[in-house]
N, C-alpha and C. Protein backbone atom coordinates (compact mmCIF):
# COMPACT_ATOMS: atom_id res chain seq x y z
N MET A 1 33.50 -8.28 -22.95
CA MET A 1 34.11 -9.55 -23.33
C MET A 1 33.90 -9.81 -24.82
N ILE A 2 32.70 -9.52 -25.32
CA ILE A 2 32.43 -9.74 -26.74
C ILE A 2 33.31 -8.83 -27.58
N ARG A 3 33.41 -7.56 -27.20
CA ARG A 3 34.21 -6.59 -27.93
C ARG A 3 35.68 -7.03 -28.00
N LEU A 4 36.15 -7.71 -26.98
CA LEU A 4 37.54 -8.17 -26.95
C LEU A 4 37.74 -9.53 -27.62
N GLY A 5 36.65 -10.08 -28.17
CA GLY A 5 36.76 -11.36 -28.86
C GLY A 5 36.57 -12.58 -27.97
N PHE A 6 35.99 -12.37 -26.80
CA PHE A 6 35.77 -13.48 -25.87
C PHE A 6 34.28 -13.77 -25.69
N GLY A 7 33.53 -13.67 -26.76
CA GLY A 7 32.07 -13.89 -26.71
C GLY A 7 31.69 -15.24 -26.16
N ALA A 8 32.40 -16.28 -26.58
CA ALA A 8 32.08 -17.63 -26.09
C ALA A 8 32.30 -17.74 -24.59
N GLU A 9 33.36 -17.12 -24.11
CA GLU A 9 33.64 -17.14 -22.66
C GLU A 9 32.58 -16.36 -21.90
N GLN A 10 32.15 -15.23 -22.45
CA GLN A 10 31.09 -14.44 -21.81
C GLN A 10 29.82 -15.26 -21.71
N ALA A 11 29.47 -15.97 -22.76
CA ALA A 11 28.27 -16.80 -22.75
C ALA A 11 28.40 -17.90 -21.70
N ARG A 12 29.58 -18.47 -21.57
CA ARG A 12 29.79 -19.54 -20.59
C ARG A 12 29.66 -19.02 -19.16
N LEU A 13 30.20 -17.82 -18.92
CA LEU A 13 30.16 -17.25 -17.58
C LEU A 13 28.74 -16.92 -17.14
N GLY A 14 27.96 -16.33 -18.01
CA GLY A 14 26.58 -16.01 -17.69
C GLY A 14 26.46 -14.96 -16.61
N ARG A 15 25.75 -13.91 -16.90
CA ARG A 15 25.55 -12.84 -15.92
C ARG A 15 24.18 -12.93 -15.27
N PHE A 16 23.29 -13.74 -15.85
CA PHE A 16 21.93 -13.82 -15.37
C PHE A 16 21.60 -15.26 -15.01
N PRO A 17 20.73 -15.44 -14.03
CA PRO A 17 20.40 -16.80 -13.62
C PRO A 17 19.65 -17.57 -14.70
N VAL A 18 19.88 -18.86 -14.72
CA VAL A 18 19.17 -19.76 -15.62
C VAL A 18 18.03 -20.44 -14.88
N LEU A 19 18.23 -20.74 -13.62
CA LEU A 19 17.22 -21.44 -12.82
C LEU A 19 15.99 -20.55 -12.60
N GLU A 20 14.83 -21.10 -12.88
CA GLU A 20 13.58 -20.34 -12.78
C GLU A 20 13.33 -19.80 -11.37
N ASP A 21 13.57 -20.62 -10.35
CA ASP A 21 13.32 -20.16 -8.98
C ASP A 21 14.19 -18.96 -8.63
N THR A 22 15.43 -18.98 -9.07
CA THR A 22 16.33 -17.86 -8.81
C THR A 22 15.86 -16.62 -9.57
N ARG A 23 15.45 -16.79 -10.80
CA ARG A 23 14.93 -15.67 -11.58
C ARG A 23 13.73 -15.04 -10.89
N LYS A 24 12.85 -15.87 -10.40
CA LYS A 24 11.64 -15.38 -9.72
C LYS A 24 12.00 -14.60 -8.47
N GLY A 25 12.87 -15.16 -7.66
CA GLY A 25 13.28 -14.47 -6.43
C GLY A 25 13.98 -13.16 -6.72
N ASN A 26 14.86 -13.16 -7.73
CA ASN A 26 15.56 -11.93 -8.10
C ASN A 26 14.60 -10.86 -8.58
N LEU A 27 13.61 -11.25 -9.37
CA LEU A 27 12.64 -10.27 -9.86
C LEU A 27 11.89 -9.63 -8.70
N ALA A 28 11.46 -10.42 -7.75
CA ALA A 28 10.74 -9.87 -6.59
C ALA A 28 11.64 -8.91 -5.80
N GLU A 29 12.89 -9.27 -5.65
CA GLU A 29 13.85 -8.42 -4.94
C GLU A 29 14.06 -7.09 -5.66
N ILE A 30 14.19 -7.14 -6.97
CA ILE A 30 14.38 -5.92 -7.77
C ILE A 30 13.14 -5.03 -7.68
N VAL A 31 11.96 -5.64 -7.78
CA VAL A 31 10.72 -4.85 -7.68
C VAL A 31 10.66 -4.15 -6.33
N LEU A 32 10.98 -4.85 -5.25
CA LEU A 32 10.94 -4.24 -3.92
C LEU A 32 11.95 -3.10 -3.81
N ALA A 33 13.17 -3.31 -4.29
CA ALA A 33 14.19 -2.26 -4.21
C ALA A 33 13.75 -1.02 -4.99
N GLU A 34 13.23 -1.22 -6.19
CA GLU A 34 12.79 -0.10 -7.02
C GLU A 34 11.59 0.61 -6.38
N TYR A 35 10.69 -0.15 -5.80
CA TYR A 35 9.52 0.44 -5.14
C TYR A 35 9.96 1.31 -3.97
N LEU A 36 10.85 0.79 -3.13
CA LEU A 36 11.30 1.56 -1.97
C LEU A 36 12.00 2.85 -2.40
N GLY A 37 12.80 2.76 -3.46
CA GLY A 37 13.47 3.95 -3.97
C GLY A 37 12.50 4.99 -4.50
N ALA A 38 11.41 4.54 -5.10
CA ALA A 38 10.43 5.46 -5.69
C ALA A 38 9.42 5.99 -4.68
N ALA A 39 9.08 5.18 -3.68
CA ALA A 39 7.99 5.54 -2.77
C ALA A 39 8.44 6.17 -1.46
N THR A 40 9.75 6.18 -1.20
CA THR A 40 10.25 6.72 0.05
C THR A 40 11.40 7.68 -0.25
N SER A 41 11.88 8.34 0.78
CA SER A 41 13.05 9.20 0.63
C SER A 41 14.35 8.41 0.82
N ALA A 42 14.23 7.10 1.01
CA ALA A 42 15.39 6.24 1.19
C ALA A 42 15.96 5.83 -0.17
N THR A 43 17.25 5.51 -0.19
CA THR A 43 17.90 5.04 -1.41
C THR A 43 18.52 3.67 -1.16
N VAL A 44 18.66 2.92 -2.23
CA VAL A 44 19.31 1.62 -2.18
C VAL A 44 20.67 1.81 -2.84
N PRO A 45 21.74 2.01 -2.03
CA PRO A 45 23.04 2.33 -2.61
C PRO A 45 23.74 1.16 -3.29
N ILE A 46 23.42 -0.06 -2.84
CA ILE A 46 24.04 -1.26 -3.39
C ILE A 46 22.95 -2.29 -3.68
N TYR A 47 22.87 -2.70 -4.93
CA TYR A 47 21.99 -3.82 -5.28
C TYR A 47 22.82 -5.07 -5.14
N ARG A 48 22.55 -5.84 -4.13
CA ARG A 48 23.41 -6.96 -3.81
C ARG A 48 23.48 -8.00 -4.91
N LEU A 49 22.47 -8.08 -5.77
CA LEU A 49 22.49 -9.05 -6.86
C LEU A 49 23.68 -8.84 -7.80
N ARG A 50 24.15 -7.61 -7.90
CA ARG A 50 25.29 -7.32 -8.77
C ARG A 50 26.58 -7.97 -8.26
N TYR A 51 26.59 -8.35 -6.99
CA TYR A 51 27.81 -8.89 -6.37
C TYR A 51 27.70 -10.38 -6.07
N ASN A 52 26.69 -11.02 -6.61
CA ASN A 52 26.48 -12.43 -6.35
C ASN A 52 27.49 -13.27 -7.13
N PRO A 53 28.36 -14.02 -6.46
CA PRO A 53 29.36 -14.82 -7.17
C PRO A 53 28.75 -16.04 -7.87
N ASN A 54 27.57 -16.46 -7.48
CA ASN A 54 26.89 -17.59 -8.12
C ASN A 54 25.48 -17.13 -8.49
N VAL A 55 25.30 -16.73 -9.74
CA VAL A 55 24.03 -16.11 -10.14
C VAL A 55 22.84 -17.05 -10.05
N ASP A 56 23.07 -18.35 -9.98
CA ASP A 56 21.95 -19.29 -9.89
C ASP A 56 21.60 -19.68 -8.46
N GLN A 57 22.18 -19.02 -7.50
CA GLN A 57 21.78 -19.21 -6.10
C GLN A 57 21.46 -17.85 -5.51
N SER A 58 20.49 -17.84 -4.61
CA SER A 58 20.18 -16.57 -3.96
C SER A 58 21.25 -16.28 -2.91
N MET A 59 21.52 -15.01 -2.73
CA MET A 59 22.50 -14.59 -1.73
C MET A 59 21.87 -14.63 -0.35
N LYS A 60 22.67 -14.84 0.63
CA LYS A 60 22.20 -14.80 2.02
C LYS A 60 22.19 -13.35 2.48
N GLY A 61 21.43 -13.09 3.52
CA GLY A 61 21.36 -11.74 4.07
C GLY A 61 20.07 -11.05 3.70
N ASP A 62 20.02 -9.77 3.99
CA ASP A 62 18.82 -8.98 3.74
C ASP A 62 18.59 -8.85 2.24
N ASP A 63 17.35 -9.02 1.80
CA ASP A 63 17.05 -8.85 0.38
C ASP A 63 17.34 -7.43 -0.07
N VAL A 64 16.88 -6.46 0.71
CA VAL A 64 17.05 -5.05 0.36
C VAL A 64 17.35 -4.26 1.63
N LEU A 65 18.33 -3.36 1.53
CA LEU A 65 18.56 -2.36 2.56
C LEU A 65 18.48 -1.00 1.89
N ALA A 66 17.54 -0.19 2.34
CA ALA A 66 17.40 1.17 1.83
C ALA A 66 17.70 2.13 2.98
N PHE A 67 18.40 3.22 2.66
CA PHE A 67 18.89 4.13 3.69
C PHE A 67 18.36 5.54 3.46
N ASP A 68 17.89 6.16 4.54
CA ASP A 68 17.61 7.60 4.53
C ASP A 68 18.58 8.20 5.53
N LEU A 69 19.76 8.53 5.03
CA LEU A 69 20.85 8.99 5.89
C LEU A 69 20.67 10.43 6.35
N ASP A 70 19.75 11.16 5.74
CA ASP A 70 19.51 12.55 6.13
C ASP A 70 18.32 12.71 7.06
N ALA A 71 17.64 11.62 7.37
CA ALA A 71 16.49 11.68 8.28
C ALA A 71 16.99 11.86 9.71
N ASP A 72 16.11 12.31 10.56
CA ASP A 72 16.43 12.44 11.98
C ASP A 72 15.34 11.74 12.77
N PRO A 73 15.59 10.52 13.23
CA PRO A 73 16.86 9.79 13.21
C PRO A 73 17.10 9.14 11.84
N VAL A 74 18.36 8.76 11.61
CA VAL A 74 18.72 8.04 10.40
C VAL A 74 17.84 6.79 10.32
N ARG A 75 17.42 6.48 9.11
CA ARG A 75 16.46 5.39 8.92
C ARG A 75 17.01 4.35 7.94
N ILE A 76 16.82 3.08 8.31
CA ILE A 76 17.11 1.97 7.41
C ILE A 76 15.81 1.19 7.21
N ILE A 77 15.52 0.89 5.97
CA ILE A 77 14.38 0.02 5.66
C ILE A 77 14.95 -1.34 5.27
N VAL A 78 14.55 -2.36 6.00
CA VAL A 78 14.96 -3.73 5.73
C VAL A 78 13.83 -4.39 4.95
N GLY A 79 14.16 -4.90 3.77
CA GLY A 79 13.13 -5.48 2.91
C GLY A 79 13.32 -6.96 2.68
N GLU A 80 12.21 -7.67 2.62
CA GLU A 80 12.18 -9.10 2.33
C GLU A 80 11.12 -9.33 1.25
N SER A 81 11.48 -10.05 0.20
CA SER A 81 10.54 -10.27 -0.89
C SER A 81 10.42 -11.76 -1.20
N LYS A 82 9.24 -12.12 -1.68
CA LYS A 82 9.00 -13.50 -2.11
C LYS A 82 8.19 -13.47 -3.40
N PHE A 83 8.50 -14.39 -4.29
CA PHE A 83 7.72 -14.62 -5.50
C PHE A 83 7.03 -15.96 -5.32
N ARG A 84 5.74 -15.98 -5.58
CA ARG A 84 4.99 -17.23 -5.58
C ARG A 84 4.04 -17.23 -6.76
N GLN A 85 4.05 -18.32 -7.51
CA GLN A 85 3.10 -18.45 -8.62
C GLN A 85 1.68 -18.34 -8.11
N THR A 86 1.41 -18.96 -6.97
CA THR A 86 0.10 -18.92 -6.35
C THR A 86 0.25 -18.31 -4.97
N ALA A 87 -0.46 -17.23 -4.73
CA ALA A 87 -0.37 -16.53 -3.43
C ALA A 87 -0.89 -17.43 -2.32
N SER A 88 -0.23 -17.31 -1.17
CA SER A 88 -0.68 -18.08 0.00
C SER A 88 -0.37 -17.31 1.27
N VAL A 89 -1.18 -17.57 2.27
CA VAL A 89 -0.93 -16.99 3.59
C VAL A 89 0.40 -17.51 4.13
N ALA A 90 0.76 -18.74 3.80
CA ALA A 90 2.03 -19.31 4.26
C ALA A 90 3.21 -18.48 3.74
N ALA A 91 3.15 -18.02 2.50
CA ALA A 91 4.23 -17.19 1.96
C ALA A 91 4.33 -15.87 2.72
N VAL A 92 3.19 -15.30 3.05
CA VAL A 92 3.18 -14.05 3.83
C VAL A 92 3.79 -14.29 5.20
N LYS A 93 3.42 -15.37 5.82
CA LYS A 93 3.97 -15.69 7.15
C LYS A 93 5.48 -15.92 7.08
N GLU A 94 5.95 -16.49 5.98
CA GLU A 94 7.40 -16.69 5.81
C GLU A 94 8.12 -15.33 5.72
N ILE A 95 7.54 -14.40 4.98
CA ILE A 95 8.12 -13.05 4.87
C ILE A 95 8.16 -12.40 6.24
N VAL A 96 7.03 -12.44 6.94
CA VAL A 96 6.94 -11.81 8.26
C VAL A 96 7.92 -12.46 9.23
N SER A 97 8.04 -13.78 9.16
CA SER A 97 8.98 -14.49 10.04
C SER A 97 10.42 -14.07 9.76
N ASP A 98 10.78 -13.94 8.49
CA ASP A 98 12.14 -13.50 8.14
C ASP A 98 12.40 -12.08 8.64
N LEU A 99 11.42 -11.19 8.51
CA LEU A 99 11.60 -9.82 8.98
C LEU A 99 11.63 -9.76 10.51
N ALA A 100 10.83 -10.58 11.17
CA ALA A 100 10.85 -10.63 12.64
C ALA A 100 12.21 -11.13 13.13
N ARG A 101 12.77 -12.11 12.42
CA ARG A 101 14.11 -12.62 12.78
C ARG A 101 15.15 -11.51 12.63
N SER A 102 15.03 -10.74 11.57
CA SER A 102 15.94 -9.62 11.36
C SER A 102 15.80 -8.60 12.48
N HIS A 103 14.57 -8.33 12.87
CA HIS A 103 14.33 -7.38 13.95
C HIS A 103 14.96 -7.86 15.26
N ARG A 104 14.78 -9.13 15.57
CA ARG A 104 15.36 -9.68 16.80
C ARG A 104 16.89 -9.63 16.78
N ALA A 105 17.48 -9.79 15.59
CA ALA A 105 18.94 -9.77 15.47
C ALA A 105 19.52 -8.38 15.71
N GLY A 106 18.70 -7.36 15.53
CA GLY A 106 19.17 -6.00 15.75
C GLY A 106 19.63 -5.36 14.46
N ILE A 107 20.88 -5.05 14.39
CA ILE A 107 21.44 -4.36 13.22
C ILE A 107 21.34 -5.29 12.00
N PRO A 108 20.95 -4.78 10.84
CA PRO A 108 20.82 -5.64 9.66
C PRO A 108 22.13 -6.36 9.33
N VAL A 109 22.03 -7.64 9.01
CA VAL A 109 23.23 -8.44 8.78
C VAL A 109 24.01 -7.99 7.56
N SER A 110 23.36 -7.33 6.61
CA SER A 110 24.04 -6.91 5.37
C SER A 110 24.60 -5.50 5.44
N LEU A 111 24.53 -4.86 6.59
CA LEU A 111 24.99 -3.48 6.71
C LEU A 111 26.46 -3.32 6.31
N GLN A 112 27.32 -4.17 6.85
CA GLN A 112 28.75 -4.05 6.54
C GLN A 112 29.03 -4.43 5.09
N PHE A 113 28.27 -5.36 4.53
CA PHE A 113 28.39 -5.71 3.12
C PHE A 113 28.18 -4.47 2.25
N VAL A 114 27.13 -3.70 2.55
CA VAL A 114 26.85 -2.49 1.79
C VAL A 114 27.99 -1.49 1.95
N ALA A 115 28.41 -1.26 3.19
CA ALA A 115 29.50 -0.30 3.43
C ALA A 115 30.77 -0.73 2.71
N ASP A 116 31.12 -2.00 2.80
CA ASP A 116 32.35 -2.49 2.15
C ASP A 116 32.33 -2.27 0.64
N HIS A 117 31.19 -2.52 0.02
CA HIS A 117 31.11 -2.34 -1.44
C HIS A 117 31.12 -0.87 -1.83
N LEU A 118 30.62 -0.02 -0.96
CA LEU A 118 30.74 1.41 -1.21
C LEU A 118 32.21 1.84 -1.13
N PHE A 119 32.91 1.35 -0.12
CA PHE A 119 34.35 1.65 0.00
C PHE A 119 35.09 1.15 -1.24
N ASP A 120 34.82 -0.10 -1.64
CA ASP A 120 35.50 -0.68 -2.80
C ASP A 120 35.22 0.11 -4.08
N GLY A 121 34.05 0.71 -4.16
CA GLY A 121 33.68 1.47 -5.35
C GLY A 121 34.10 2.93 -5.29
N GLY A 122 34.87 3.29 -4.27
CA GLY A 122 35.35 4.67 -4.16
C GLY A 122 34.33 5.63 -3.59
N ARG A 123 33.23 5.13 -3.06
CA ARG A 123 32.20 5.97 -2.46
C ARG A 123 32.41 6.02 -0.94
N THR A 124 33.58 6.50 -0.55
CA THR A 124 34.04 6.44 0.83
C THR A 124 33.14 7.20 1.79
N ASP A 125 32.74 8.42 1.46
CA ASP A 125 31.91 9.20 2.37
C ASP A 125 30.59 8.49 2.67
N GLU A 126 29.98 7.94 1.64
CA GLU A 126 28.73 7.21 1.83
C GLU A 126 28.96 5.93 2.64
N GLY A 127 30.06 5.25 2.37
CA GLY A 127 30.39 4.05 3.13
C GLY A 127 30.58 4.34 4.60
N ILE A 128 31.24 5.46 4.92
CA ILE A 128 31.44 5.85 6.32
C ILE A 128 30.10 6.13 6.99
N ARG A 129 29.20 6.82 6.28
CA ARG A 129 27.89 7.14 6.85
C ARG A 129 27.07 5.88 7.11
N ILE A 130 27.18 4.92 6.21
CA ILE A 130 26.43 3.67 6.40
C ILE A 130 27.07 2.84 7.50
N GLU A 131 28.38 2.77 7.53
CA GLU A 131 29.06 2.03 8.59
C GLU A 131 28.73 2.62 9.96
N ARG A 132 28.55 3.93 10.01
CA ARG A 132 28.22 4.62 11.26
C ARG A 132 26.84 4.21 11.79
N CYS A 133 26.00 3.64 10.95
CA CYS A 133 24.67 3.19 11.39
C CYS A 133 24.77 2.17 12.53
N ALA A 134 25.83 1.38 12.56
CA ALA A 134 26.00 0.41 13.66
C ALA A 134 26.16 1.15 14.98
N GLU A 135 26.92 2.23 14.96
CA GLU A 135 27.09 3.06 16.16
C GLU A 135 25.76 3.70 16.57
N LEU A 136 25.04 4.21 15.58
CA LEU A 136 23.73 4.82 15.88
C LEU A 136 22.77 3.79 16.46
N PHE A 137 22.81 2.57 15.94
CA PHE A 137 21.97 1.51 16.48
C PHE A 137 22.30 1.24 17.94
N ALA A 138 23.59 1.11 18.23
CA ALA A 138 24.04 0.82 19.59
C ALA A 138 23.64 1.91 20.57
N SER A 139 23.54 3.15 20.10
CA SER A 139 23.17 4.25 20.99
C SER A 139 21.68 4.59 20.92
N GLY A 140 20.89 3.74 20.24
CA GLY A 140 19.45 3.94 20.18
C GLY A 140 19.02 5.11 19.30
N LYS A 141 19.84 5.49 18.34
CA LYS A 141 19.54 6.64 17.49
C LYS A 141 19.33 6.27 16.03
N LEU A 142 18.92 5.03 15.80
CA LEU A 142 18.68 4.54 14.44
C LEU A 142 17.27 3.99 14.36
N ARG A 143 16.56 4.39 13.33
CA ARG A 143 15.20 3.88 13.11
C ARG A 143 15.26 2.76 12.09
N LEU A 144 14.73 1.61 12.46
CA LEU A 144 14.65 0.46 11.57
C LEU A 144 13.19 0.20 11.22
N ASP A 145 12.88 0.19 9.94
CA ASP A 145 11.56 -0.16 9.46
C ASP A 145 11.68 -1.42 8.61
N TYR A 146 10.57 -2.15 8.50
CA TYR A 146 10.59 -3.43 7.81
C TYR A 146 9.46 -3.46 6.78
N VAL A 147 9.82 -3.89 5.56
CA VAL A 147 8.84 -3.96 4.48
C VAL A 147 8.95 -5.31 3.80
N GLY A 148 7.81 -5.97 3.65
CA GLY A 148 7.75 -7.23 2.93
C GLY A 148 6.96 -7.08 1.65
N LEU A 149 7.34 -7.82 0.64
CA LEU A 149 6.64 -7.82 -0.65
C LEU A 149 6.34 -9.25 -1.06
N LEU A 150 5.08 -9.48 -1.42
CA LEU A 150 4.69 -10.73 -2.05
C LEU A 150 4.32 -10.42 -3.49
N LEU A 151 5.12 -10.93 -4.43
CA LEU A 151 4.82 -10.81 -5.85
C LEU A 151 4.21 -12.14 -6.27
N SER A 152 2.95 -12.09 -6.69
CA SER A 152 2.25 -13.34 -6.97
C SER A 152 1.08 -13.10 -7.91
N ASP A 153 0.09 -13.96 -7.81
CA ASP A 153 -1.09 -13.88 -8.67
C ASP A 153 -2.05 -12.80 -8.16
N THR A 154 -3.22 -12.74 -8.75
CA THR A 154 -4.18 -11.68 -8.42
C THR A 154 -4.79 -11.83 -7.03
N HIS A 155 -4.47 -12.89 -6.33
CA HIS A 155 -4.95 -13.06 -4.94
C HIS A 155 -3.93 -12.58 -3.91
N ALA A 156 -2.84 -12.02 -4.36
CA ALA A 156 -1.77 -11.61 -3.45
C ALA A 156 -2.26 -10.63 -2.39
N ARG A 157 -3.04 -9.64 -2.79
CA ARG A 157 -3.51 -8.64 -1.83
C ARG A 157 -4.31 -9.28 -0.70
N ASP A 158 -5.22 -10.16 -1.06
CA ASP A 158 -6.05 -10.84 -0.05
C ASP A 158 -5.20 -11.67 0.89
N ARG A 159 -4.22 -12.38 0.35
CA ARG A 159 -3.36 -13.23 1.20
C ARG A 159 -2.50 -12.37 2.14
N VAL A 160 -2.03 -11.23 1.64
CA VAL A 160 -1.25 -10.32 2.49
C VAL A 160 -2.13 -9.77 3.61
N GLN A 161 -3.34 -9.39 3.29
CA GLN A 161 -4.24 -8.86 4.32
C GLN A 161 -4.58 -9.91 5.37
N ARG A 162 -4.80 -11.15 4.94
CA ARG A 162 -5.15 -12.22 5.88
C ARG A 162 -3.96 -12.75 6.66
N GLY A 163 -2.77 -12.68 6.08
CA GLY A 163 -1.61 -13.32 6.70
C GLY A 163 -0.70 -12.42 7.51
N THR A 164 -0.93 -11.10 7.46
CA THR A 164 -0.07 -10.18 8.18
C THR A 164 -0.62 -9.93 9.58
N PRO A 165 0.15 -10.26 10.62
CA PRO A 165 -0.33 -10.00 11.98
C PRO A 165 -0.43 -8.50 12.23
N GLY A 166 -1.47 -8.09 12.92
CA GLY A 166 -1.72 -6.67 13.15
C GLY A 166 -0.91 -6.06 14.27
N GLN A 167 -0.31 -6.86 15.13
CA GLN A 167 0.36 -6.32 16.31
C GLN A 167 1.81 -5.93 16.08
N LEU A 168 2.35 -6.21 14.91
CA LEU A 168 3.75 -5.87 14.65
C LEU A 168 3.89 -4.39 14.35
N VAL A 169 4.86 -3.76 15.00
CA VAL A 169 5.12 -2.34 14.83
C VAL A 169 6.26 -2.17 13.82
N ARG A 170 6.18 -1.12 13.01
CA ARG A 170 7.21 -0.76 12.05
C ARG A 170 7.33 -1.79 10.93
N LEU A 171 6.23 -2.50 10.62
CA LEU A 171 6.20 -3.46 9.54
C LEU A 171 5.12 -3.06 8.55
N ALA A 172 5.48 -3.01 7.28
CA ALA A 172 4.51 -2.81 6.21
C ALA A 172 4.62 -3.98 5.26
N MET A 173 3.49 -4.53 4.88
CA MET A 173 3.45 -5.60 3.89
C MET A 173 2.76 -5.07 2.65
N ILE A 174 3.36 -5.34 1.49
CA ILE A 174 2.77 -4.92 0.24
C ILE A 174 2.66 -6.12 -0.69
N SER A 175 1.80 -5.97 -1.67
CA SER A 175 1.62 -7.06 -2.63
C SER A 175 1.63 -6.51 -4.04
N LEU A 176 2.06 -7.34 -4.95
CA LEU A 176 1.95 -7.06 -6.37
C LEU A 176 1.33 -8.29 -6.99
N GLY A 177 0.09 -8.15 -7.41
CA GLY A 177 -0.62 -9.26 -8.02
C GLY A 177 -0.74 -9.08 -9.52
N VAL A 178 -0.33 -10.10 -10.26
CA VAL A 178 -0.44 -10.08 -11.72
C VAL A 178 -1.15 -11.35 -12.17
N ALA A 179 -1.78 -11.26 -13.32
CA ALA A 179 -2.58 -12.38 -13.81
C ALA A 179 -1.76 -13.65 -14.03
N ASP A 180 -0.57 -13.52 -14.57
CA ASP A 180 0.28 -14.68 -14.85
C ASP A 180 1.71 -14.38 -14.43
N PRO A 181 2.03 -14.58 -13.15
CA PRO A 181 3.37 -14.23 -12.65
C PRO A 181 4.51 -14.91 -13.40
N ASP A 182 4.34 -16.15 -13.79
CA ASP A 182 5.42 -16.86 -14.49
C ASP A 182 5.72 -16.22 -15.84
N SER A 183 4.70 -15.76 -16.55
CA SER A 183 4.97 -15.12 -17.84
C SER A 183 5.66 -13.78 -17.65
N LEU A 184 5.40 -13.10 -16.53
CA LEU A 184 6.12 -11.86 -16.23
C LEU A 184 7.61 -12.14 -16.10
N VAL A 185 7.96 -13.19 -15.41
CA VAL A 185 9.37 -13.56 -15.26
C VAL A 185 9.98 -13.90 -16.61
N ARG A 186 9.30 -14.70 -17.40
CA ARG A 186 9.81 -15.06 -18.73
C ARG A 186 10.03 -13.81 -19.57
N ASP A 187 9.07 -12.89 -19.54
CA ASP A 187 9.19 -11.66 -20.33
C ASP A 187 10.37 -10.81 -19.87
N CYS A 188 10.58 -10.73 -18.57
CA CYS A 188 11.68 -9.91 -18.04
C CYS A 188 13.04 -10.47 -18.42
N TYR A 189 13.16 -11.78 -18.53
CA TYR A 189 14.45 -12.39 -18.82
C TYR A 189 14.63 -12.72 -20.31
N GLN A 190 13.59 -12.47 -21.11
CA GLN A 190 13.69 -12.79 -22.53
C GLN A 190 14.83 -12.02 -23.17
N GLY A 191 15.64 -12.73 -23.92
CA GLY A 191 16.76 -12.11 -24.62
C GLY A 191 18.02 -11.95 -23.79
N LEU A 192 17.98 -12.35 -22.52
CA LEU A 192 19.16 -12.21 -21.67
C LEU A 192 20.00 -13.49 -21.62
N ASP A 193 19.49 -14.56 -22.16
CA ASP A 193 20.20 -15.85 -22.10
C ASP A 193 21.42 -15.85 -22.97
């Protein structure tokens, strides 16, 4: 837009959130997606934040869907992330509750969203493989794992350990504790306004 002489319009449109709460939530979501891509054999084919029509509101649906389409059985990791300035067991319970709700619902609600955007982007073969996950789920041949992330202060690890119920199967909770979470967000968004 700037190159075409529409710099003022580009500034008005804004590609990045201005609201602090949205920035915080987006950062936690990005950290979780990047972590899953680096720590597992699964990939995140679509970062849903790129398709958000209102950058100052969080999108509905799964925070992160990572796919290992070559695993046997095919595996989807459903991720939920939260940012909190101060870590709390309540935040951990909220993450676990959201993931438990996703588990009860069955197939991830954002599955077709991912497939549709792959189709729209010309990645048809990958879109077909992801769309096929619904069929695999229906026939009991799909593995669903759940990962939650609490990005917060230096007490995050303790709150995750105390707040995660031990009886849940296929759930992993992770934490990222930093000394000043709000300054991390400011630093990440500096220069993007």
